[in-house]
Amino acid sequence: MEWLPEPDAGTPICLGFDGSDVSDWTVLSAETCDGFSFTPRYGPDRRPTIWIPDEWGGTVPRKQVSIAVDEIHDRFEVARGYYDTPRWETDVDIWAGKHGEECVIAWPTYRVKPMHEALERFYTDLSTGRIRHDGCPLTNLAMANARKIAKSSDRYILGKPSQHQKIDPAMTRVLAHEAAADARAAGWGDEEDDGPSIFFLP
């Protein structure tokens, strides 16, 4: 599948972020109000917002990640973003201070019930055509790698079959979709509602 370009500057989007340091990948994904799921690009050479430690001397380049977060907030109209926080708590706090706490929201993926519900919604909306994707090859690989890991009470989370089979781009697509779904429920995309939205993190 062709890797489609990202939407035009100024497009309203929601974001999903999953960070690591030396093993897993760090990824920032996005979704438009009408369900187009994509990997943003940043910098002069339009690099994808997927940082693989081995490509950066073994450690995710946090400065590059911060530059990308700032650039994407400047280029697009970000309605909301869900950020998995372990080991990135301070970074997320800084981004929330710069871009607004309503746009940068901590969303830990280790919470089984919310994660299960987000995955169920993602799978349903993907299978019914409510989500379209850009064909990002790294995300396609992560989607193929992802496995449902059983938890108690008939719930499941997302996991990888082995350490080298990364799933982080898949995880951030789920987070971006959950952020977009919650934002739409709060009035995002409703042109008749120009007032502030109040929402609660599940």
Protein backbone atom coordinates (compact mmCIF):
# COMPACT_ATOMS: atom_id res chain seq x y z
CA MET A 1 0.00 0.00 0.00
CA GLU A 2 1.18 3.52 -0.80
CA TRP A 3 2.22 5.65 2.17
CA LEU A 4 -0.18 8.58 1.87
CA PRO A 5 0.87 12.15 2.75
CA GLU A 6 -0.27 13.70 5.99
CA PRO A 7 -3.20 16.15 5.98
CA ASP A 8 -2.77 19.84 5.20
CA ALA A 9 -1.47 22.28 7.81
CA GLY A 10 -4.25 23.58 10.02
CA THR A 11 -6.22 20.32 9.96
CA PRO A 12 -7.87 19.54 13.32
CA ILE A 13 -6.36 16.36 14.81
CA CYS A 14 -6.01 14.32 17.98
CA LEU A 15 -2.77 12.65 19.07
CA GLY A 16 -1.55 9.44 20.71
CA PHE A 17 1.92 9.04 22.24
CA ASP A 18 3.89 6.09 23.59
CA GLY A 19 7.43 6.69 24.84
CA SER A 20 10.45 4.51 25.61
CA ASP A 21 14.20 4.99 26.08
CA VAL A 22 16.46 2.17 24.92
CA SER A 23 14.33 -0.80 23.90
CA ASP A 24 10.88 -0.10 22.50
CA TRP A 25 10.14 2.59 19.96
CA THR A 26 8.82 6.04 20.80
CA VAL A 27 5.89 7.05 18.60
CA LEU A 28 3.50 9.95 18.06
CA SER A 29 0.41 9.20 15.94
CA ALA A 30 -2.56 11.31 14.90
CA GLU A 31 -6.16 11.05 13.76
CA THR A 32 -8.39 13.60 12.06
CA CYS A 33 -11.96 14.30 13.07
CA ASP A 34 -13.26 12.20 10.17
CA GLY A 35 -11.16 9.15 11.11
CA PHE A 36 -7.98 9.41 9.03
CA SER A 37 -5.23 7.77 11.13
CA PHE A 38 -1.67 8.77 10.22
CA THR A 39 1.97 9.16 11.23
CA PRO A 40 2.92 12.85 11.20
CA ARG A 41 6.26 13.99 9.76
CA TYR A 42 8.57 16.64 11.20
CA GLY A 43 11.80 18.51 10.57
CA PRO A 44 13.48 19.60 7.33
CA ASP A 45 13.66 16.05 5.94
CA ARG A 46 10.09 15.22 7.02
CA ARG A 47 11.03 12.28 9.22
CA PRO A 48 8.16 10.16 10.59
CA THR A 49 7.41 10.60 14.28
CA ILE A 50 8.65 7.08 15.06
CA TRP A 51 11.98 6.97 16.89
CA ILE A 52 13.84 3.65 16.88
CA PRO A 53 16.64 3.61 19.48
CA ASP A 54 19.07 1.70 17.24
CA GLU A 55 18.87 4.53 14.70
CA TRP A 56 19.89 7.08 17.36
CA GLY A 57 22.89 5.45 19.02
CA GLY A 58 20.79 3.18 21.23
CA THR A 59 18.73 5.83 23.02
CA VAL A 60 15.57 7.66 21.95
CA PRO A 61 16.48 11.33 21.24
CA ARG A 62 14.20 13.15 23.67
CA LYS A 63 15.11 16.56 22.24
CA GLN A 64 14.00 15.42 18.78
CA VAL A 65 10.76 14.11 20.23
CA SER A 66 10.08 17.45 21.94
CA ILE A 67 10.83 19.34 18.73
CA ALA A 68 8.38 17.12 16.87
CA VAL A 69 5.65 17.57 19.50
CA ASP A 70 6.05 21.36 19.31
CA GLU A 71 6.09 21.37 15.51
CA ILE A 72 2.96 19.26 15.23
CA HIS A 73 1.10 21.48 17.68
CA ASP A 74 2.18 24.50 15.64
CA ARG A 75 1.25 22.97 12.26
CA PHE A 76 -2.06 21.33 13.13
CA GLU A 77 -5.03 22.27 15.26
CA VAL A 78 -4.67 19.76 18.08
CA ALA A 79 -7.93 19.13 19.93
CA ARG A 80 -6.66 16.51 22.36
CA GLY A 81 -3.81 14.05 22.86
CA TYR A 82 -3.45 10.96 25.06
CA TYR A 83 0.08 10.30 26.30
CA ASP A 84 1.34 7.10 27.89
CA THR A 85 3.49 8.52 30.67
CA PRO A 86 5.89 5.97 32.26
CA ARG A 87 9.44 7.40 32.13
CA TRP A 88 8.08 10.45 30.25
CA GLU A 89 6.17 12.11 33.09
CA THR A 90 8.30 15.27 33.15
CA ASP A 91 8.27 15.61 29.36
CA VAL A 92 4.49 15.27 29.29
CA ASP A 93 4.16 17.87 32.06
CA ILE A 94 6.33 20.28 30.05
CA TRP A 95 4.29 19.71 26.88
CA ALA A 96 1.05 20.23 28.81
CA GLY A 97 2.42 23.52 30.13
CA LYS A 98 3.32 24.67 26.62
CA HIS A 99 0.33 23.42 24.67
CA GLY A 100 -2.43 23.24 27.27
CA GLU A 101 -3.60 20.59 29.72
CA GLU A 102 -6.71 20.07 27.58
CA CYS A 103 -4.46 19.03 24.65
CA VAL A 104 -1.80 16.97 26.47
CA ILE A 105 -3.46 14.42 28.76
CA ALA A 106 -1.77 11.58 30.65
CA TRP A 107 -3.33 8.26 29.62
CA PRO A 108 -1.40 5.30 31.13
CA THR A 109 -1.85 2.18 29.01
CA TYR A 110 -1.22 -0.20 31.94
CA ARG A 111 -4.80 0.31 33.18
CA VAL A 112 -6.48 -2.87 32.01
CA LYS A 113 -10.15 -1.80 31.88
CA PRO A 114 -9.68 1.49 29.95
CA MET A 115 -7.11 -0.13 27.64
CA HIS A 116 -9.41 -3.07 26.90
CA GLU A 117 -12.29 -0.71 26.14
CA ALA A 118 -10.12 1.45 23.88
CA LEU A 119 -8.95 -1.62 21.96
CA GLU A 120 -12.51 -2.90 21.57
CA ARG A 121 -13.59 0.46 20.13
CA PHE A 122 -10.55 0.61 17.84
CA TYR A 123 -11.09 -2.89 16.44
CA THR A 124 -14.81 -2.24 15.90
CA ASP A 125 -14.30 1.11 14.20
CA LEU A 126 -11.47 -0.23 12.05
CA SER A 127 -13.52 -3.22 10.91
CA THR A 128 -16.56 -1.06 10.08
CA GLY A 129 -14.60 1.50 8.07
CA ARG A 130 -14.79 4.37 10.55
CA ILE A 131 -10.97 4.49 10.58
CA ARG A 132 -8.89 4.95 7.42
CA HIS A 133 -5.10 4.80 7.59
CA ASP A 134 -2.17 6.28 5.73
CA GLY A 135 -0.34 3.03 4.97
CA CYS A 136 2.69 3.84 7.15
CA PRO A 137 4.86 0.70 6.73
CA LEU A 138 6.19 0.76 10.31
CA THR A 139 2.64 0.98 11.63
CA ASN A 140 1.52 -1.83 9.34
CA LEU A 141 4.33 -3.97 10.75
CA ALA A 142 3.35 -3.12 14.32
CA MET A 143 -0.27 -3.98 13.63
CA ALA A 144 0.81 -7.37 12.29
CA ASN A 145 2.97 -7.94 15.38
CA ALA A 146 0.31 -6.98 17.95
CA ARG A 147 -1.34 -9.72 20.00
CA LYS A 148 -4.26 -9.73 22.41
CA ILE A 149 -2.90 -10.60 25.87
CA ALA A 150 -5.58 -12.11 28.13
CA LYS A 151 -6.34 -10.48 31.48
CA SER A 152 -8.91 -11.25 34.17
CA SER A 153 -12.66 -10.62 33.75
CA ASP A 154 -12.52 -11.55 30.03
CA ARG A 155 -10.46 -8.48 29.26
CA TYR A 156 -7.27 -8.15 27.24
CA ILE A 157 -4.53 -5.64 26.47
CA LEU A 158 -2.09 -5.27 23.59
CA GLY A 159 1.21 -7.16 23.68
CA LYS A 160 4.09 -8.26 21.46
CA PRO A 161 4.95 -11.89 20.65
CA SER A 162 8.67 -11.31 21.24
CA GLN A 163 10.99 -8.51 22.35
CA HIS A 164 12.13 -7.62 18.83
CA GLN A 165 8.60 -7.49 17.36
CA LYS A 166 7.58 -3.96 18.23
CA ILE A 167 3.97 -2.80 18.55
CA ASP A 168 4.37 0.82 19.65
CA PRO A 169 2.96 2.42 16.45
CA ALA A 170 -0.14 0.24 16.83
CA MET A 171 -0.54 1.34 20.45
CA THR A 172 -0.39 5.01 19.54
CA ARG A 173 -2.96 4.59 16.78
CA VAL A 174 -5.30 3.20 19.44
CA LEU A 175 -4.54 6.13 21.77
CA ALA A 176 -5.08 8.70 19.01
CA HIS A 177 -8.39 7.06 18.12
CA GLU A 178 -9.51 7.02 21.75
CA ALA A 179 -8.60 10.70 22.07
CA ALA A 180 -10.52 11.48 18.87
CA ALA A 181 -13.57 9.47 19.97
CA ASP A 182 -13.64 11.19 23.36
CA ALA A 183 -13.13 14.60 21.75
CA ARG A 184 -16.00 13.97 19.31
CA ALA A 185 -18.23 12.90 22.21
CA ALA A 186 -17.37 16.23 23.87
CA GLY A 187 -18.37 18.21 20.78
CA TRP A 188 -15.25 18.19 18.58
CA GLY A 189 -16.29 18.75 14.99
CA ASP A 190 -19.66 20.22 15.95
CA GLU A 191 -19.58 23.63 14.24
CA GLU A 192 -22.58 24.80 16.20
CA ASP A 193 -20.74 24.36 19.51
CA ASP A 194 -18.06 26.99 19.91
CA GLY A 195 -17.93 26.88 23.69
CA PRO A 196 -15.46 25.05 25.89
CA SER A 197 -15.90 21.31 26.43
CA ILE A 198 -15.75 19.61 29.81
CA PHE A 199 -14.60 16.02 29.94
CA PHE A 200 -13.32 13.45 32.38
CA LEU A 201 -10.48 10.94 31.91
CA PRO A 202 -11.83 7.39 32.24
